Protein backbone atom coordinates (compact mmCIF):
# COMPACT_ATOMS: atom_id res chain seq x y z
CA UNK A 1 -6.50 -15.50 -17.39
CA UNK A 2 -4.89 -18.30 -15.40
CA UNK A 3 -2.86 -17.30 -12.34
CA UNK A 4 0.36 -19.04 -11.41
CA UNK A 5 0.86 -20.56 -7.95
CA UNK A 6 3.36 -17.79 -7.14
CA UNK A 7 0.87 -15.10 -8.16
CA UNK A 8 -1.83 -16.65 -5.98
CA UNK A 9 0.60 -16.88 -3.05
CA UNK A 10 1.60 -13.22 -3.42
CA UNK A 11 -2.04 -12.16 -3.57
CA UNK A 12 -2.83 -14.29 -0.50
CA UNK A 13 -0.06 -12.68 1.54
CA UNK A 14 -1.27 -9.21 0.50
CA UNK A 15 -4.81 -10.07 1.61
CA UNK A 16 -3.60 -11.21 5.03
CA UNK A 17 -1.52 -8.05 5.51
CA UNK A 18 -4.46 -5.94 4.42
CA UNK A 19 -6.82 -7.68 6.81
CA UNK A 20 -4.51 -6.91 9.71
CA UNK A 21 -4.15 -3.29 8.62
CA UNK A 22 -7.91 -3.00 8.06
CA UNK A 23 -8.62 -4.47 11.49
CA UNK A 24 -6.51 -1.71 12.98
CA UNK A 25 -8.76 0.87 11.31
CA UNK A 26 -12.01 -0.95 12.10
CA UNK A 27 -11.18 -1.29 15.80
CA UNK A 28 -10.00 2.28 16.14
CA UNK A 29 -6.40 1.19 16.46
CA UNK A 30 -7.03 -1.37 19.20
CA UNK A 31 -4.63 -3.86 17.62
CA UNK A 32 -1.02 -4.23 18.69
CA UNK A 33 0.17 -1.48 16.34
CA UNK A 34 1.92 1.47 17.87
CA UNK A 35 1.28 5.14 17.26
CA UNK A 36 -2.19 4.70 15.82
CA UNK A 37 -3.84 7.66 17.53
CA UNK A 38 -3.72 10.85 15.49
CA UNK A 39 -1.54 13.63 16.80
CA UNK A 40 -3.07 17.09 17.07
CA UNK A 41 -0.27 18.69 15.02
CA UNK A 42 -0.32 15.94 12.38
CA UNK A 43 -2.99 17.67 10.26
CA UNK A 44 -0.85 20.81 10.00
CA UNK A 45 2.43 19.08 9.22
CA UNK A 46 3.46 19.04 5.55
CA UNK A 47 3.24 15.88 3.51
CA UNK A 48 6.68 14.76 2.39
CA UNK A 49 6.78 12.00 -0.20
CA UNK A 50 9.65 9.53 -0.11
CA UNK A 51 12.57 10.33 -2.36
CA UNK A 52 12.80 7.46 -4.81
CA UNK A 53 14.67 6.72 -7.99
CA UNK A 54 13.05 5.71 -11.27
CA UNK A 55 14.32 2.16 -10.63
CA UNK A 56 12.62 2.07 -7.21
CA UNK A 57 9.41 3.46 -8.73
CA UNK A 58 9.48 0.79 -11.44
CA UNK A 59 10.03 -1.98 -8.89
CA UNK A 60 7.11 -0.66 -6.81
CA UNK A 61 4.78 -0.53 -9.83
CA UNK A 62 5.79 -4.02 -10.92
CA UNK A 63 5.34 -5.41 -7.41
CA UNK A 64 1.92 -3.78 -6.99
CA UNK A 65 0.73 -5.26 -10.28
CA UNK A 66 2.00 -8.69 -9.17
CA UNK A 67 0.25 -8.33 -5.81
CA UNK A 68 -3.26 -7.78 -7.11
CA UNK A 69 -4.50 -9.24 -10.41
CA UNK A 70 -7.06 -6.41 -10.70
CA UNK A 71 -4.22 -3.87 -10.63
CA UNK A 72 -2.41 -5.72 -13.41
CA UNK A 73 -5.59 -5.50 -15.49
CA UNK A 74 -5.97 -1.85 -14.51
CA UNK A 75 -2.47 -1.08 -15.81
CA UNK A 76 -3.19 -2.85 -19.11
CA UNK A 77 -6.45 -0.91 -19.54
CA UNK A 78 -5.44 2.55 -18.27
CA UNK A 79 -1.71 2.69 -19.09
CA UNK A 80 0.12 5.75 -17.79
CA UNK A 81 -2.91 6.99 -15.82
CA UNK A 82 -2.82 3.73 -13.85
CA UNK A 83 0.91 3.92 -13.23
CA UNK A 84 0.72 7.54 -12.07
CA UNK A 85 -2.29 6.78 -9.85
CA UNK A 86 -0.68 3.80 -8.15
CA UNK A 87 2.59 5.65 -7.59
CA UNK A 88 0.72 8.68 -6.24
CA UNK A 89 -1.30 6.54 -3.83
CA UNK A 90 1.78 4.63 -2.65
CA UNK A 91 3.84 7.75 -2.05
CA UNK A 92 0.87 9.50 -0.43
CA UNK A 93 0.51 6.58 1.99
CA UNK A 94 4.18 6.92 2.92
CA UNK A 95 3.85 10.70 3.26
CA UNK A 96 0.85 10.37 5.58
CA UNK A 97 2.78 7.86 7.70
CA UNK A 98 5.77 10.20 7.92
CA UNK A 99 3.59 13.15 8.87
CA UNK A 100 2.39 11.31 11.95
CA UNK A 101 -1.07 10.48 13.11
CA UNK A 102 -0.60 6.75 12.77
CA UNK A 103 -1.37 4.06 10.28
CA UNK A 104 -5.13 4.43 10.61
CA UNK A 105 -4.98 8.07 9.56
CA UNK A 106 -2.74 7.21 6.60
CA UNK A 107 -5.06 4.43 5.41
CA UNK A 108 -8.16 6.61 5.65
CA UNK A 109 -6.56 9.64 3.99
CA UNK A 110 -5.32 7.65 1.00
CA UNK A 111 -8.73 6.02 0.53
CA UNK A 112 -10.48 9.41 0.75
CA UNK A 113 -8.07 10.97 -1.74
CA UNK A 114 -8.41 8.08 -4.16
CA UNK A 115 -12.19 8.18 -3.96
CA UNK A 116 -12.21 11.92 -4.69
CA UNK A 117 -10.49 11.38 -8.07
CA UNK A 118 -11.81 7.92 -8.97
CA UNK A 119 -13.91 9.28 -11.83
CA UNK A 120 -10.66 10.43 -13.49
CA UNK A 121 -8.34 7.57 -12.53
CA UNK A 122 -10.76 4.61 -12.63
CA UNK A 123 -8.71 2.93 -9.89
CA UNK A 124 -10.52 -0.23 -8.72
CA UNK A 125 -11.99 0.94 -5.43
CA UNK A 126 -11.67 -2.31 -3.49
CA UNK A 127 -10.09 -3.14 -0.17
CA UNK A 128 -7.73 -5.62 -1.85
CA UNK A 129 -6.53 -2.87 -4.20
CA UNK A 130 -5.59 -0.58 -1.33
CA UNK A 131 -4.10 -3.48 0.62
CA UNK A 132 -1.75 -4.18 -2.28
CA UNK A 133 -0.82 -0.53 -2.78
CA UNK A 134 -0.13 0.04 0.92
CA UNK A 135 1.65 -3.24 1.64
CA UNK A 136 3.98 -2.85 -1.34
CA UNK A 137 4.56 0.83 -0.50
CA UNK A 138 5.78 -0.28 2.93
CA UNK A 139 8.19 -2.67 1.21
CA UNK A 140 9.44 -0.63 -1.74
CA UNK A 141 8.81 3.07 -1.05
CA UNK A 142 9.04 3.59 2.70
CA UNK A 143 10.41 0.50 4.46
CA UNK A 144 11.48 2.60 7.47
CA UNK A 145 7.80 3.18 8.23
CA UNK A 146 7.28 -0.54 8.83
CA UNK A 147 7.99 0.24 12.48
CA UNK A 148 4.44 1.67 12.64
CA UNK A 149 2.78 -1.69 11.99
CA UNK A 150 2.53 -4.66 14.36
CA UNK A 151 5.41 -7.14 14.41
CA UNK A 152 3.11 -9.80 12.94
CA UNK A 153 2.48 -7.55 9.92
CA UNK A 154 6.22 -6.86 9.52
CA UNK A 155 6.78 -10.62 9.36
CA UNK A 156 4.15 -10.90 6.63
CA UNK A 157 5.72 -7.97 4.77
CA UNK A 158 9.05 -9.83 4.75
CA UNK A 159 7.28 -12.89 3.33
CA UNK A 160 5.62 -10.75 0.69
CA UNK A 161 8.97 -9.23 -0.27
CA UNK A 162 10.37 -12.73 -0.70
CA UNK A 163 7.34 -13.87 -2.70
CA UNK A 164 7.57 -10.82 -4.97
CA UNK A 165 11.26 -11.44 -5.51
CA UNK A 166 10.60 -15.06 -6.48
CA UNK A 167 7.75 -14.09 -8.77
CA UNK A 168 10.00 -11.71 -10.72
CA UNK A 169 12.54 -14.37 -11.61
């Protein structure tokens, strides 16, 4: 399937955001992000998913599929299972961020949770997949949590939001 220039640009921005987020995890949070060290009480705090409307959920799912061509294929092949999986992972990422413990903890917890149910969901278990899910979750599901990522990543998130908006028209 041939990708449009806009689709390639969106995917490129997602990869850059993901690389910055992944570097934060790989270096133990030694990037410029704030609040990356886990809090002792964070593990005991409840997970609270963002309150979203069906319209916001639909926008998130559409944007995630635009952000990663593999996720668009995944939705075509797995249907409702794919949609539920992507929405669950996006809201879980936001919930882990809200609970505290930093972005590293949120990234690792979502990946561990996804891996534990991969045999049922068949979610593509690739870094780019999680980059797309997490970047778009920060845009569509929990934009207030963008304060937890470095300013350079917030700038890229704003570019991604613009690119996704252009791709939908």
